[in-house]
């Protein structure tokens, strides 16, 4: 049995990277213009100027295309601050998350969450994506621990999960609006929990 990597996880080199960029750009444009329901492999291939078989082989389905786009957009759109204060860094992070999920990015995440309910590949891709994002964002918490702003036993990834939870709850469950006030409150709550010892590493 031939092992295949998850959709979109190819080494960025030469023609492979040019194809990937063309497909990502086409997916982004079609998603913004017509929404997820109208997204098809055929339309993406045509807009990207590549063979339909190439897109099928590398991404398998529209969920694979969306995961590739999500990685691309999130990597560029959610910068990590380094202000010298963990409170400020996490406040900025929360605001950047809200900004990212406003507009087509939020719709993209909603579509992928719905797809992951019955698509194991998408579910696996989502777990990988969020694990990578949380580890990267946890750098800000680790810096805060090193500076003595947070207890040494704090679990950095749990702090990031606690920060994101109220934002994702509003976006995915209650569909309430997100703004900078909500973002700042989420960051403050996560930091308060960390300082109270409720987000410590488990033994």
C-alpha atoms as a PDB file:
ATOM      1  CA  UNK A   1       0.000   0.000   0.000  1.00  0.00           C
ATOM      2  CA  UNK A   2       1.435   3.376  -1.019  1.00  0.00           C
ATOM      3  CA  UNK A   3       1.492   5.976   1.745  1.00  0.00           C
ATOM      4  CA  UNK A   4       0.265   9.403   0.706  1.00  0.00           C
ATOM      5  CA  UNK A   5       0.896  12.578   2.668  1.00  0.00           C
ATOM      6  CA  UNK A   6      -2.049  14.683   3.926  1.00  0.00           C
ATOM      7  CA  UNK A   7      -3.618  16.905   1.248  1.00  0.00           C
ATOM      8  CA  UNK A   8      -1.431  19.864   0.316  1.00  0.00           C
ATOM      9  CA  UNK A   9       1.615  18.821   2.334  1.00  0.00           C
ATOM     10  CA  UNK A  10       4.225  18.915  -0.423  1.00  0.00           C
ATOM     11  CA  UNK A  11       7.716  20.296  -0.377  1.00  0.00           C
ATOM     12  CA  UNK A  12       7.821  23.828  -1.788  1.00  0.00           C
ATOM     13  CA  UNK A  13      10.275  23.447  -4.651  1.00  0.00           C
ATOM     14  CA  UNK A  14      10.350  24.405  -8.338  1.00  0.00           C
ATOM     15  CA  UNK A  15       7.299  23.638 -10.408  1.00  0.00           C
ATOM     16  CA  UNK A  16       5.565  21.999  -7.445  1.00  0.00           C
ATOM     17  CA  UNK A  17       5.598  25.297  -5.559  1.00  0.00           C
ATOM     18  CA  UNK A  18       4.432  27.270  -8.609  1.00  0.00           C
ATOM     19  CA  UNK A  19       1.500  24.899  -9.015  1.00  0.00           C
ATOM     20  CA  UNK A  20       0.714  25.131  -5.317  1.00  0.00           C
ATOM     21  CA  UNK A  21       0.693  28.920  -5.395  1.00  0.00           C
ATOM     22  CA  UNK A  22      -1.530  28.983  -8.482  1.00  0.00           C
ATOM     23  CA  UNK A  23      -3.988  26.568  -6.897  1.00  0.00           C
ATOM     24  CA  UNK A  24      -4.041  28.445  -3.586  1.00  0.00           C
ATOM     25  CA  UNK A  25      -4.642  31.739  -5.408  1.00  0.00           C
ATOM     26  CA  UNK A  26      -7.449  30.213  -7.477  1.00  0.00           C
ATOM     27  CA  UNK A  27      -9.059  28.670  -4.391  1.00  0.00           C
ATOM     28  CA  UNK A  28      -8.907  31.981  -2.548  1.00  0.00           C
ATOM     29  CA  UNK A  29     -10.433  33.885  -5.459  1.00  0.00           C
ATOM     30  CA  UNK A  30     -13.272  31.432  -6.061  1.00  0.00           C
ATOM     31  CA  UNK A  31     -14.060  31.177  -2.355  1.00  0.00           C
ATOM     32  CA  UNK A  32     -14.268  34.955  -2.018  1.00  0.00           C
ATOM     33  CA  UNK A  33     -16.391  35.298  -5.155  1.00  0.00           C
ATOM     34  CA  UNK A  34     -18.835  32.414  -4.794  1.00  0.00           C
ATOM     35  CA  UNK A  35     -18.433  30.749  -1.400  1.00  0.00           C
ATOM     36  CA  UNK A  36     -17.529  27.226  -0.357  1.00  0.00           C
ATOM     37  CA  UNK A  37     -20.637  25.535  -1.758  1.00  0.00           C
ATOM     38  CA  UNK A  38     -19.663  26.581  -5.298  1.00  0.00           C
ATOM     39  CA  UNK A  39     -16.037  25.480  -4.949  1.00  0.00           C
ATOM     40  CA  UNK A  40     -15.095  22.473  -7.099  1.00  0.00           C
ATOM     41  CA  UNK A  41     -11.876  20.805  -8.171  1.00  0.00           C
ATOM     42  CA  UNK A  42     -12.765  21.490 -11.799  1.00  0.00           C
ATOM     43  CA  UNK A  43     -13.260  25.224 -11.257  1.00  0.00           C
ATOM     44  CA  UNK A  44     -10.048  25.551  -9.246  1.00  0.00           C
ATOM     45  CA  UNK A  45      -8.018  23.658 -11.850  1.00  0.00           C
ATOM     46  CA  UNK A  46      -9.416  25.807 -14.634  1.00  0.00           C
ATOM     47  CA  UNK A  47      -8.754  29.069 -12.758  1.00  0.00           C
ATOM     48  CA  UNK A  48      -5.233  27.946 -11.810  1.00  0.00           C
ATOM     49  CA  UNK A  49      -4.409  26.794 -15.337  1.00  0.00           C
ATOM     50  CA  UNK A  50      -3.414  23.292 -14.242  1.00  0.00           C
ATOM     51  CA  UNK A  51      -4.727  19.825 -15.043  1.00  0.00           C
ATOM     52  CA  UNK A  52      -7.691  18.620 -13.024  1.00  0.00           C
ATOM     53  CA  UNK A  53      -5.837  15.352 -12.354  1.00  0.00           C
ATOM     54  CA  UNK A  54      -2.987  17.314 -10.759  1.00  0.00           C
ATOM     55  CA  UNK A  55      -5.328  18.944  -8.271  1.00  0.00           C
ATOM     56  CA  UNK A  56      -7.079  15.652  -7.494  1.00  0.00           C
ATOM     57  CA  UNK A  57      -3.759  13.870  -7.004  1.00  0.00           C
ATOM     58  CA  UNK A  58      -2.293  16.466  -4.655  1.00  0.00           C
ATOM     59  CA  UNK A  59      -5.329  17.672  -2.712  1.00  0.00           C
ATOM     60  CA  UNK A  60      -7.975  14.968  -3.358  1.00  0.00           C
ATOM     61  CA  UNK A  61     -11.016  17.163  -2.660  1.00  0.00           C
ATOM     62  CA  UNK A  62     -12.172  20.704  -1.893  1.00  0.00           C
ATOM     63  CA  UNK A  63     -11.536  20.137   1.822  1.00  0.00           C
ATOM     64  CA  UNK A  64      -7.874  19.487   1.009  1.00  0.00           C
ATOM     65  CA  UNK A  65      -7.768  22.718  -0.980  1.00  0.00           C
ATOM     66  CA  UNK A  66      -9.305  24.618   1.928  1.00  0.00           C
ATOM     67  CA  UNK A  67      -6.773  23.210   4.389  1.00  0.00           C
ATOM     68  CA  UNK A  68      -3.949  24.344   2.102  1.00  0.00           C
ATOM     69  CA  UNK A  69      -5.457  27.823   1.846  1.00  0.00           C
ATOM     70  CA  UNK A  70      -6.040  27.995   5.588  1.00  0.00           C
ATOM     71  CA  UNK A  71      -2.387  27.176   6.319  1.00  0.00           C
ATOM     72  CA  UNK A  72      -1.261  29.812   3.840  1.00  0.00           C
ATOM     73  CA  UNK A  73      -3.542  32.560   5.114  1.00  0.00           C
ATOM     74  CA  UNK A  74      -3.081  31.869   8.818  1.00  0.00           C
ATOM     75  CA  UNK A  75       0.693  31.756   8.544  1.00  0.00           C
ATOM     76  CA  UNK A  76       0.759  35.211   7.006  1.00  0.00           C
ATOM     77  CA  UNK A  77      -2.211  36.845   8.709  1.00  0.00           C
ATOM     78  CA  UNK A  78      -1.660  36.203  12.423  1.00  0.00           C
ATOM     79  CA  UNK A  79       1.694  37.727  13.391  1.00  0.00           C
ATOM     80  CA  UNK A  80       3.072  37.241  16.892  1.00  0.00           C
ATOM     81  CA  UNK A  81       3.944  40.352  18.866  1.00  0.00           C
ATOM     82  CA  UNK A  82       7.080  40.627  21.020  1.00  0.00           C
ATOM     83  CA  UNK A  83       6.455  43.721  23.141  1.00  0.00           C
ATOM     84  CA  UNK A  84       8.288  42.568  26.254  1.00  0.00           C
ATOM     85  CA  UNK A  85       4.992  42.015  28.086  1.00  0.00           C
ATOM     86  CA  UNK A  86       3.013  38.772  27.976  1.00  0.00           C
ATOM     87  CA  UNK A  87      -0.199  40.688  28.726  1.00  0.00           C
ATOM     88  CA  UNK A  88       0.280  42.897  25.677  1.00  0.00           C
ATOM     89  CA  UNK A  89       1.473  40.068  23.445  1.00  0.00           C
ATOM     90  CA  UNK A  90      -1.599  37.938  24.184  1.00  0.00           C
ATOM     91  CA  UNK A  91      -3.960  40.902  23.869  1.00  0.00           C
ATOM     92  CA  UNK A  92      -2.536  41.587  20.397  1.00  0.00           C
ATOM     93  CA  UNK A  93      -2.709  37.901  19.512  1.00  0.00           C
ATOM     94  CA  UNK A  94      -6.396  37.735  20.441  1.00  0.00           C
ATOM     95  CA  UNK A  95      -7.142  40.844  18.370  1.00  0.00           C
ATOM     96  CA  UNK A  96      -5.275  39.370  15.399  1.00  0.00           C
ATOM     97  CA  UNK A  97      -7.288  36.140  15.708  1.00  0.00           C
ATOM     98  CA  UNK A  98     -10.524  38.138  15.604  1.00  0.00           C
ATOM     99  CA  UNK A  99      -9.253  40.040  12.584  1.00  0.00           C
ATOM    100  CA  UNK A 100      -8.329  36.797  10.829  1.00  0.00           C
ATOM    101  CA  UNK A 101     -11.768  35.284  11.348  1.00  0.00           C
ATOM    102  CA  UNK A 102     -13.600  38.335  10.029  1.00  0.00           C
ATOM    103  CA  UNK A 103     -14.814  37.872   6.450  1.00  0.00           C
ATOM    104  CA  UNK A 104     -13.896  34.971   4.182  1.00  0.00           C
ATOM    105  CA  UNK A 105     -11.419  33.445   6.653  1.00  0.00           C
ATOM    106  CA  UNK A 106     -14.203  32.841   9.154  1.00  0.00           C
ATOM    107  CA  UNK A 107     -16.364  31.284   6.473  1.00  0.00           C
ATOM    108  CA  UNK A 108     -13.469  29.043   5.489  1.00  0.00           C
ATOM    109  CA  UNK A 109     -13.045  27.766   9.045  1.00  0.00           C
ATOM    110  CA  UNK A 110     -16.783  27.165   9.419  1.00  0.00           C
ATOM    111  CA  UNK A 111     -16.812  25.143   6.205  1.00  0.00           C
ATOM    112  CA  UNK A 112     -13.842  23.051   7.330  1.00  0.00           C
ATOM    113  CA  UNK A 113     -15.366  22.397  10.755  1.00  0.00           C
ATOM    114  CA  UNK A 114     -18.550  21.182   9.082  1.00  0.00           C
ATOM    115  CA  UNK A 115     -16.553  19.026   6.668  1.00  0.00           C
ATOM    116  CA  UNK A 116     -14.462  17.510   9.468  1.00  0.00           C
ATOM    117  CA  UNK A 117     -17.577  15.964  11.064  1.00  0.00           C
ATOM    118  CA  UNK A 118     -17.754  13.320   8.321  1.00  0.00           C
ATOM    119  CA  UNK A 119     -14.342  13.587   6.612  1.00  0.00           C
ATOM    120  CA  UNK A 120     -11.526  11.922   8.607  1.00  0.00           C
ATOM    121  CA  UNK A 121      -8.835  13.505   6.416  1.00  0.00           C
ATOM    122  CA  UNK A 122     -10.191  16.976   7.142  1.00  0.00           C
ATOM    123  CA  UNK A 123     -10.477  16.203  10.851  1.00  0.00           C
ATOM    124  CA  UNK A 124      -6.844  15.058  10.906  1.00  0.00           C
ATOM    125  CA  UNK A 125      -5.785  18.144   8.981  1.00  0.00           C
ATOM    126  CA  UNK A 126      -7.625  20.405  11.407  1.00  0.00           C
ATOM    127  CA  UNK A 127      -5.964  18.754  14.412  1.00  0.00           C
ATOM    128  CA  UNK A 128      -2.556  19.198  12.802  1.00  0.00           C
ATOM    129  CA  UNK A 129      -3.267  22.794  11.854  1.00  0.00           C
ATOM    130  CA  UNK A 130      -4.429  23.842  15.350  1.00  0.00           C
ATOM    131  CA  UNK A 131      -1.599  21.966  17.043  1.00  0.00           C
ATOM    132  CA  UNK A 132       0.925  23.853  14.916  1.00  0.00           C
ATOM    133  CA  UNK A 133      -0.819  27.187  15.492  1.00  0.00           C
ATOM    134  CA  UNK A 134      -1.046  26.669  19.256  1.00  0.00           C
ATOM    135  CA  UNK A 135       2.614  25.657  19.537  1.00  0.00           C
ATOM    136  CA  UNK A 136       3.689  28.715  17.559  1.00  0.00           C
ATOM    137  CA  UNK A 137       1.521  31.105  19.570  1.00  0.00           C
ATOM    138  CA  UNK A 138       2.734  29.541  22.840  1.00  0.00           C
ATOM    139  CA  UNK A 139       6.124  31.167  22.216  1.00  0.00           C
ATOM    140  CA  UNK A 140       4.665  34.371  23.684  1.00  0.00           C
ATOM    141  CA  UNK A 141       3.684  32.520  26.857  1.00  0.00           C
ATOM    142  CA  UNK A 142       7.102  30.880  27.161  1.00  0.00           C
ATOM    143  CA  UNK A 143       8.732  34.299  26.927  1.00  0.00           C
ATOM    144  CA  UNK A 144       6.458  35.487  29.718  1.00  0.00           C
ATOM    145  CA  UNK A 145       7.468  32.525  31.884  1.00  0.00           C
ATOM    146  CA  UNK A 146      11.154  33.232  31.219  1.00  0.00           C
ATOM    147  CA  UNK A 147      10.647  36.867  32.291  1.00  0.00           C
ATOM    148  CA  UNK A 148       8.914  35.779  35.496  1.00  0.00           C
ATOM    149  CA  UNK A 149       5.530  37.202  34.480  1.00  0.00           C
ATOM    150  CA  UNK A 150       3.860  33.787  34.757  1.00  0.00           C
ATOM    151  CA  UNK A 151       4.482  30.805  37.070  1.00  0.00           C
ATOM    152  CA  UNK A 152       7.033  28.316  35.780  1.00  0.00           C
ATOM    153  CA  UNK A 153       4.530  25.454  35.948  1.00  0.00           C
ATOM    154  CA  UNK A 154       2.136  27.082  33.478  1.00  0.00           C
ATOM    155  CA  UNK A 155       1.368  25.037  30.361  1.00  0.00           C
ATOM    156  CA  UNK A 156       1.941  27.494  27.470  1.00  0.00           C
ATOM    157  CA  UNK A 157      -0.297  25.652  25.000  1.00  0.00           C
ATOM    158  CA  UNK A 158      -3.154  25.481  27.516  1.00  0.00           C
ATOM    159  CA  UNK A 159      -2.961  29.265  27.891  1.00  0.00           C
ATOM    160  CA  UNK A 160      -3.369  29.653  24.124  1.00  0.00           C
ATOM    161  CA  UNK A 161      -6.286  27.204  24.127  1.00  0.00           C
ATOM    162  CA  UNK A 162      -7.934  29.164  26.935  1.00  0.00           C
ATOM    163  CA  UNK A 163      -7.440  32.415  25.030  1.00  0.00           C
ATOM    164  CA  UNK A 164      -8.961  31.058  21.835  1.00  0.00           C
ATOM    165  CA  UNK A 165     -11.864  29.127  23.369  1.00  0.00           C
ATOM    166  CA  UNK A 166     -14.293  32.052  23.924  1.00  0.00           C
ATOM    167  CA  UNK A 167     -13.491  33.440  20.467  1.00  0.00           C
ATOM    168  CA  UNK A 168     -14.141  30.122  18.703  1.00  0.00           C
ATOM    169  CA  UNK A 169     -17.269  29.561  20.819  1.00  0.00           C
ATOM    170  CA  UNK A 170     -18.751  32.809  19.558  1.00  0.00           C
ATOM    171  CA  UNK A 171     -17.755  32.126  15.991  1.00  0.00           C
ATOM    172  CA  UNK A 172     -18.711  28.443  15.754  1.00  0.00           C
ATOM    173  CA  UNK A 173     -21.523  27.958  18.272  1.00  0.00           C
ATOM    174  CA  UNK A 174     -23.420  31.129  19.155  1.00  0.00           C
ATOM    175  CA  UNK A 175     -22.493  33.186  16.054  1.00  0.00           C
ATOM    176  CA  UNK A 176     -22.177  36.288  18.190  1.00  0.00           C
ATOM    177  CA  UNK A 177     -20.070  39.188  16.919  1.00  0.00           C
ATOM    178  CA  UNK A 178     -16.354  39.356  17.628  1.00  0.00           C
ATOM    179  CA  UNK A 179     -14.511  42.597  18.303  1.00  0.00           C
ATOM    180  CA  UNK A 180     -11.419  43.942  20.044  1.00  0.00           C
ATOM    181  CA  UNK A 181     -13.212  44.191  23.403  1.00  0.00           C
ATOM    182  CA  UNK A 182     -14.131  40.505  23.297  1.00  0.00           C
ATOM    183  CA  UNK A 183     -10.558  39.694  22.236  1.00  0.00           C
ATOM    184  CA  UNK A 184      -8.984  41.659  25.089  1.00  0.00           C
ATOM    185  CA  UNK A 185     -11.340  40.004  27.588  1.00  0.00           C
ATOM    186  CA  UNK A 186     -10.385  36.541  26.318  1.00  0.00           C
ATOM    187  CA  UNK A 187      -6.680  37.298  26.686  1.00  0.00           C
ATOM    188  CA  UNK A 188      -7.155  38.729  30.188  1.00  0.00           C
ATOM    189  CA  UNK A 189      -9.188  35.698  31.284  1.00  0.00           C
ATOM    190  CA  UNK A 190      -6.549  33.270  30.000  1.00  0.00           C
ATOM    191  CA  UNK A 191      -3.785  35.159  31.801  1.00  0.00           C
ATOM    192  CA  UNK A 192      -5.796  35.308  35.033  1.00  0.00           C
ATOM    193  CA  UNK A 193      -6.343  31.537  34.875  1.00  0.00           C
ATOM    194  CA  UNK A 194      -2.634  30.990  34.240  1.00  0.00           C
ATOM    195  CA  UNK A 195      -1.634  33.136  37.207  1.00  0.00           C
ATOM    196  CA  UNK A 196      -4.203  31.402  39.427  1.00  0.00           C
ATOM    197  CA  UNK A 197      -2.587  28.036  38.689  1.00  0.00           C
ATOM    198  CA  UNK A 198      -5.474  26.472  36.781  1.00  0.00           C
ATOM    199  CA  UNK A 199      -3.517  26.104  33.532  1.00  0.00           C
ATOM    200  CA  UNK A 200      -0.502  24.284  34.895  1.00  0.00           C
ATOM    201  CA  UNK A 201       1.201  21.303  33.294  1.00  0.00           C
ATOM    202  CA  UNK A 202      -0.278  17.986  34.296  1.00  0.00           C
ATOM    203  CA  UNK A 203       2.011  15.418  35.894  1.00  0.00           C
END
